[in-house]
Amino acid sequence: MSTLYLTQQDSVLRKEDERLKVTLKGETLLDLPILKVSQVVVMGRVTVTPHTVAALMERHINLTYLTEYGRYIGRIEPAFSKNSLLRRAQYAAAFDEHRTLTLARGFVAGKLANLRVTLLRAARNTDGLDVDDAVEAIRRAERRVETVEDLDALRGHEGEGSAAYFGAFGRLIKADGFSFGKRVRRPPTDPVNALLSFGYALLANDLHAAVNVLGFDPYCGYLHADRYGRPSLALDLMEEFRPVVVDSVVLACLNKRVIQADDFAVSLGEVHNLT
């Protein structure tokens, strides 16, 4: 099963029999069996009929809403899992400082390792590029993570590794018309940051859906502090996959000229959005 992304503005998604149909002004754009869909992501002005929403919920298919430019708005989820024993174990681990640190350390260690590997792989595809300084800084952060004794220090070492990584990230971009100075999130101020933010939003949505299906509480995490409305567990799990799932794809799209500079629109001064 796969995720269905609806990006055609003013289109309509409706269920007919056991199929999902996307139409625009009476023309069918897509027609597929509902059993092939694991979740639906709506971007912008797309209508999902009430009957279709109910059908998605009955089949435990998440429905997520993003703006036309990829900013997360919200989601409609099926009823929460009935596996209370699993969630009890999850909460017990969250209240145990040692287990929380152990889990959080694993998330950060995986992230740092993938940051390092992503840099090295990308550098191999770029003649004469030297990222040894950033790789060594990430390795130092990895060694410190192994012996860290509290969450704040762990987050600090994660930040050190990420800073070294993004300090070298711009060197990996070979395409004309794109540059990257630093990671800027809210809001992204250049096309590369816009692509990264968009990719991270999609990845977070996928992981949110996955932990919900498995019966975990997406809002109870270990590395990310609890905050009302924040899916901390999904964000914890996302850390390890950011560089290999999102960053690598962004680099490939830019360096292979799949995405061009004129694919972006500027709004509110310096905010870059995908058109």
Protein backbone atom coordinates (compact mmCIF):
# COMPACT_ATOMS: atom_id res chain seq x y z
CA MET A 1 0.00 0.00 0.00
CA SER A 2 1.12 3.55 -0.61
CA THR A 3 0.40 7.19 0.17
CA LEU A 4 -1.92 9.06 -2.19
CA TYR A 5 -0.83 12.70 -2.65
CA LEU A 6 -3.48 15.04 -4.07
CA THR A 7 -1.84 18.14 -5.54
CA GLN A 8 -4.16 19.13 -8.41
CA GLN A 9 -5.92 22.31 -7.27
CA ASP A 10 -9.75 22.33 -7.36
CA SER A 11 -9.91 18.57 -7.86
CA VAL A 12 -12.33 16.30 -5.97
CA LEU A 13 -11.67 12.96 -4.28
CA ARG A 14 -14.64 10.65 -3.93
CA LYS A 15 -15.23 6.98 -3.19
CA GLU A 16 -17.20 4.94 -5.72
CA ASP A 17 -17.77 1.30 -4.83
CA GLU A 18 -14.36 0.14 -3.54
CA ARG A 19 -12.35 2.65 -5.55
CA LEU A 20 -11.06 6.16 -5.07
CA LYS A 21 -11.54 8.59 -7.94
CA VAL A 22 -9.95 12.01 -8.41
CA THR A 23 -11.82 14.26 -10.84
CA LEU A 24 -11.39 17.78 -12.17
CA LYS A 25 -14.32 19.44 -13.93
CA GLY A 26 -15.83 16.07 -14.74
CA GLU A 27 -12.60 14.55 -16.06
CA THR A 28 -11.18 11.54 -14.19
CA LEU A 29 -7.53 12.11 -13.27
CA LEU A 30 -7.03 9.01 -11.16
CA ASP A 31 -8.97 5.83 -10.42
CA LEU A 32 -7.53 3.18 -8.11
CA PRO A 33 -8.67 0.55 -5.58
CA ILE A 34 -9.01 1.92 -2.07
CA LEU A 35 -7.24 -1.16 -0.69
CA LYS A 36 -4.00 0.04 -2.34
CA VAL A 37 -3.95 3.25 -0.27
CA SER A 38 -2.49 3.47 3.23
CA GLN A 39 -2.99 7.22 3.71
CA VAL A 40 -4.12 10.31 1.82
CA VAL A 41 -2.33 13.68 1.80
CA VAL A 42 -4.26 16.69 0.50
CA MET A 43 -2.32 19.77 -0.63
CA GLY A 44 -4.23 23.00 -1.12
CA ARG A 45 -7.67 23.37 -2.67
CA VAL A 46 -8.71 19.74 -2.97
CA THR A 47 -12.16 18.59 -1.89
CA VAL A 48 -12.67 15.25 -0.15
CA THR A 49 -16.35 14.36 0.03
CA PRO A 50 -17.83 13.56 3.47
CA HIS A 51 -18.71 10.03 2.34
CA THR A 52 -15.09 9.51 1.33
CA VAL A 53 -13.76 10.79 4.66
CA ALA A 54 -15.97 8.29 6.48
CA ALA A 55 -14.81 5.48 4.19
CA LEU A 56 -11.16 6.35 4.85
CA MET A 57 -11.70 6.36 8.61
CA GLU A 58 -13.53 3.01 8.51
CA ARG A 59 -10.50 1.51 6.78
CA HIS A 60 -8.01 3.16 9.16
CA ILE A 61 -6.61 5.39 6.42
CA ASN A 62 -5.25 8.71 7.71
CA LEU A 63 -6.21 11.94 5.95
CA THR A 64 -3.68 14.78 6.19
CA TYR A 65 -4.08 18.38 5.06
CA LEU A 66 -1.19 20.57 3.88
CA THR A 67 -1.25 23.99 2.28
CA GLU A 68 -0.61 24.20 -1.45
CA TYR A 69 3.01 24.94 -0.56
CA GLY A 70 3.45 21.98 1.79
CA ARG A 71 2.92 23.52 5.23
CA TYR A 72 1.22 21.12 7.64
CA ILE A 73 -2.32 22.12 8.69
CA GLY A 74 -3.79 19.09 10.42
CA ARG A 75 -5.00 15.53 10.07
CA ILE A 76 -8.07 13.36 10.52
CA GLU A 77 -7.27 10.02 12.10
CA PRO A 78 -9.24 6.83 12.70
CA ALA A 79 -10.15 5.82 16.25
CA PHE A 80 -7.16 5.36 18.55
CA SER A 81 -5.72 1.86 18.88
CA LYS A 82 -7.25 -0.35 21.57
CA ASN A 83 -3.82 -1.62 22.68
CA SER A 84 -3.70 0.07 26.08
CA LEU A 85 -0.96 -2.30 27.32
CA LEU A 86 1.41 -1.07 24.63
CA ARG A 87 0.76 2.55 25.53
CA ARG A 88 1.19 1.81 29.24
CA ALA A 89 4.66 0.44 28.46
CA GLN A 90 5.40 3.50 26.34
CA TYR A 91 4.38 5.86 29.16
CA ALA A 92 6.33 3.84 31.74
CA ALA A 93 9.48 4.23 29.65
CA ALA A 94 8.85 7.96 29.35
CA PHE A 95 8.71 8.30 33.14
CA ASP A 96 11.93 6.30 33.59
CA GLU A 97 14.92 8.64 33.16
CA HIS A 98 17.36 5.85 32.33
CA ARG A 99 15.13 4.27 29.67
CA THR A 100 14.29 7.67 28.24
CA LEU A 101 17.98 8.52 27.91
CA THR A 102 18.76 5.13 26.37
CA LEU A 103 16.06 5.52 23.73
CA ALA A 104 16.94 9.13 23.00
CA ARG A 105 20.62 8.22 22.70
CA GLY A 106 19.70 5.64 20.07
CA PHE A 107 17.76 8.20 18.04
CA VAL A 108 20.64 10.67 18.11
CA ALA A 109 23.33 8.07 17.41
CA GLY A 110 21.41 6.89 14.35
CA LYS A 111 20.94 10.44 13.13
CA LEU A 112 24.61 11.39 13.51
CA ALA A 113 25.75 8.22 11.75
CA ASN A 114 23.45 8.95 8.82
CA LEU A 115 24.55 12.59 8.68
CA ARG A 116 28.14 11.42 8.34
CA VAL A 117 27.32 8.77 5.73
CA THR A 118 25.23 11.21 3.69
CA LEU A 119 28.09 13.71 3.56
CA LEU A 120 30.62 11.07 2.54
CA ARG A 121 28.37 9.60 -0.17
CA ALA A 122 27.55 13.00 -1.63
CA ALA A 123 31.21 14.04 -1.54
CA ARG A 124 32.17 10.96 -3.55
CA ASN A 125 29.86 12.18 -6.30
CA THR A 126 31.39 15.67 -6.29
CA ASP A 127 34.91 15.90 -7.67
CA GLY A 128 37.42 17.56 -5.37
CA LEU A 129 34.97 18.22 -2.54
CA ASP A 130 36.51 18.08 0.93
CA VAL A 131 34.09 17.50 3.82
CA ASP A 132 36.64 16.00 6.20
CA ASP A 133 36.24 18.83 8.71
CA ALA A 134 32.48 18.31 9.00
CA VAL A 135 32.81 14.52 9.10
CA GLU A 136 35.34 14.70 11.93
CA ALA A 137 33.10 17.09 13.90
CA ILE A 138 30.21 14.64 13.53
CA ARG A 139 32.44 11.78 14.67
CA ARG A 140 33.38 13.76 17.80
CA ALA A 141 29.69 14.30 18.53
CA GLU A 142 29.08 10.55 18.05
CA ARG A 143 31.77 9.68 20.60
CA ARG A 144 30.34 12.10 23.14
CA VAL A 145 26.84 10.71 22.68
CA GLU A 146 28.08 7.27 23.76
CA THR A 147 28.86 8.50 27.29
CA VAL A 148 26.36 11.32 27.76
CA GLU A 149 24.46 11.25 31.06
CA ASP A 150 21.54 13.63 30.58
CA LEU A 151 19.12 14.69 27.88
CA ASP A 152 20.19 18.32 27.67
CA ALA A 153 23.80 17.33 26.99
CA LEU A 154 22.60 14.76 24.45
CA ARG A 155 20.60 17.40 22.61
CA GLY A 156 23.65 19.65 22.68
CA HIS A 157 25.81 17.02 20.99
CA GLU A 158 23.07 16.43 18.43
CA GLY A 159 23.11 20.15 17.71
CA GLU A 160 26.89 20.13 17.28
CA GLY A 161 26.72 17.35 14.73
CA SER A 162 23.84 18.95 12.85
CA ALA A 163 25.63 22.32 12.74
CA ALA A 164 28.72 20.68 11.23
CA TYR A 165 26.58 18.81 8.70
CA PHE A 166 24.60 21.81 7.52
CA GLY A 167 27.78 23.87 7.48
CA ALA A 168 29.01 21.57 4.71
CA PHE A 169 25.64 20.88 3.06
CA GLY A 170 25.81 23.85 0.72
CA ARG A 171 29.04 22.52 -0.79
CA LEU A 172 27.16 19.45 -2.01
CA ILE A 173 24.87 21.51 -4.26
CA LYS A 174 26.27 21.68 -7.79
CA ALA A 175 23.25 23.19 -9.56
CA ASP A 176 23.38 26.81 -10.70
CA GLY A 177 20.89 29.17 -9.13
CA PHE A 178 20.83 27.51 -5.71
CA SER A 179 22.82 28.25 -2.58
CA PHE A 180 22.59 27.21 1.05
CA GLY A 181 24.10 29.12 3.96
CA LYS A 182 22.39 27.65 7.01
CA ARG A 183 19.29 25.75 8.06
CA VAL A 184 16.34 28.14 8.41
CA ARG A 185 13.03 26.56 9.35
CA ARG A 186 10.22 28.89 10.31
CA PRO A 187 9.79 30.10 7.70
CA PRO A 188 12.33 28.82 5.15
CA THR A 189 13.99 31.78 3.44
CA ASP A 190 15.45 30.15 0.33
CA PRO A 191 14.56 27.32 -2.08
CA VAL A 192 16.85 24.72 -0.51
CA ASN A 193 15.43 25.28 2.96
CA ALA A 194 11.93 25.20 1.48
CA LEU A 195 12.64 21.78 -0.04
CA LEU A 196 14.09 20.45 3.21
CA SER A 197 11.13 21.70 5.24
CA PHE A 198 8.67 20.23 2.74
CA GLY A 199 10.41 16.86 2.82
CA TYR A 200 10.57 16.79 6.60
CA ALA A 201 6.84 17.60 6.81
CA LEU A 202 6.00 14.64 4.57
CA LEU A 203 8.33 12.33 6.49
CA ALA A 204 6.88 13.40 9.85
CA ASN A 205 3.38 12.76 8.53
CA ASP A 206 4.32 9.23 7.42
CA LEU A 207 5.85 8.39 10.79
CA HIS A 208 2.92 9.92 12.67
CA ALA A 209 0.60 7.62 10.75
CA ALA A 210 2.87 4.60 11.30
CA VAL A 211 3.12 4.93 15.08
CA ASN A 212 -0.61 5.53 15.30
CA VAL A 213 -1.36 2.36 13.32
CA LEU A 214 0.98 0.35 15.54
CA GLY A 215 -0.85 1.54 18.65
CA PHE A 216 1.70 3.93 20.12
CA ASP A 217 0.85 7.41 21.33
CA PRO A 218 2.46 9.73 18.72
CA TYR A 219 2.53 12.58 21.25
CA CYS A 220 4.64 10.82 23.89
CA GLY A 221 8.31 10.88 22.91
CA TYR A 222 11.73 10.68 24.50
CA LEU A 223 14.21 12.95 22.73
CA HIS A 224 11.72 15.71 21.93
CA ALA A 225 10.21 17.29 25.03
CA ASP A 226 6.46 17.03 25.46
CA ARG A 227 4.55 20.00 24.11
CA TYR A 228 0.82 20.29 23.55
CA GLY A 229 0.04 19.21 19.99
CA ARG A 230 3.59 18.09 19.16
CA PRO A 231 3.87 14.48 17.87
CA SER A 232 7.09 13.93 19.82
CA LEU A 233 7.46 10.20 19.13
CA ALA A 234 7.06 10.71 15.38
CA LEU A 235 9.69 13.47 15.53
CA ASP A 236 12.02 11.23 17.55
CA LEU A 237 11.80 8.51 14.93
CA MET A 238 12.21 11.00 12.11
CA GLU A 239 15.65 12.19 13.23
CA GLU A 240 17.50 9.13 11.99
CA PHE A 241 15.83 9.22 8.59
CA ARG A 242 16.11 12.93 7.77
CA PRO A 243 19.45 12.74 5.93
CA VAL A 244 18.90 9.48 4.05
CA VAL A 245 15.23 9.95 3.12
CA VAL A 246 14.91 13.72 2.64
CA ASP A 247 18.32 15.38 2.32
CA SER A 248 19.64 12.86 -0.21
CA VAL A 249 16.52 13.26 -2.35
CA VAL A 250 16.77 17.07 -2.20
CA LEU A 251 20.39 16.94 -3.33
CA ALA A 252 19.55 14.54 -6.15
CA CYS A 253 16.65 16.70 -7.36
CA LEU A 254 18.82 19.82 -7.36
CA ASN A 255 21.98 18.36 -8.84
CA LYS A 256 20.11 16.45 -11.56
CA ARG A 257 18.13 19.61 -12.40
CA VAL A 258 14.80 17.92 -11.68
CA ILE A 259 13.87 21.08 -9.78
CA GLN A 260 14.74 24.51 -11.19
CA ALA A 261 15.05 27.90 -9.52
CA ASP A 262 11.89 29.13 -11.26
CA ASP A 263 9.87 26.37 -9.56
CA PHE A 264 9.67 28.60 -6.47
CA ALA A 265 7.57 31.61 -5.57
CA VAL A 266 8.51 34.31 -3.08
CA SER A 267 5.88 35.51 -0.64
CA LEU A 268 6.03 37.71 2.44
CA GLY A 269 9.36 39.12 1.40
CA GLU A 270 11.77 36.23 1.63
CA VAL A 271 9.71 33.08 2.09
CA HIS A 272 10.25 30.64 -0.78
CA ASN A 273 7.44 28.25 -1.66
CA LEU A 274 7.23 25.49 -4.25
CA THR A 275 4.89 26.47 -7.05
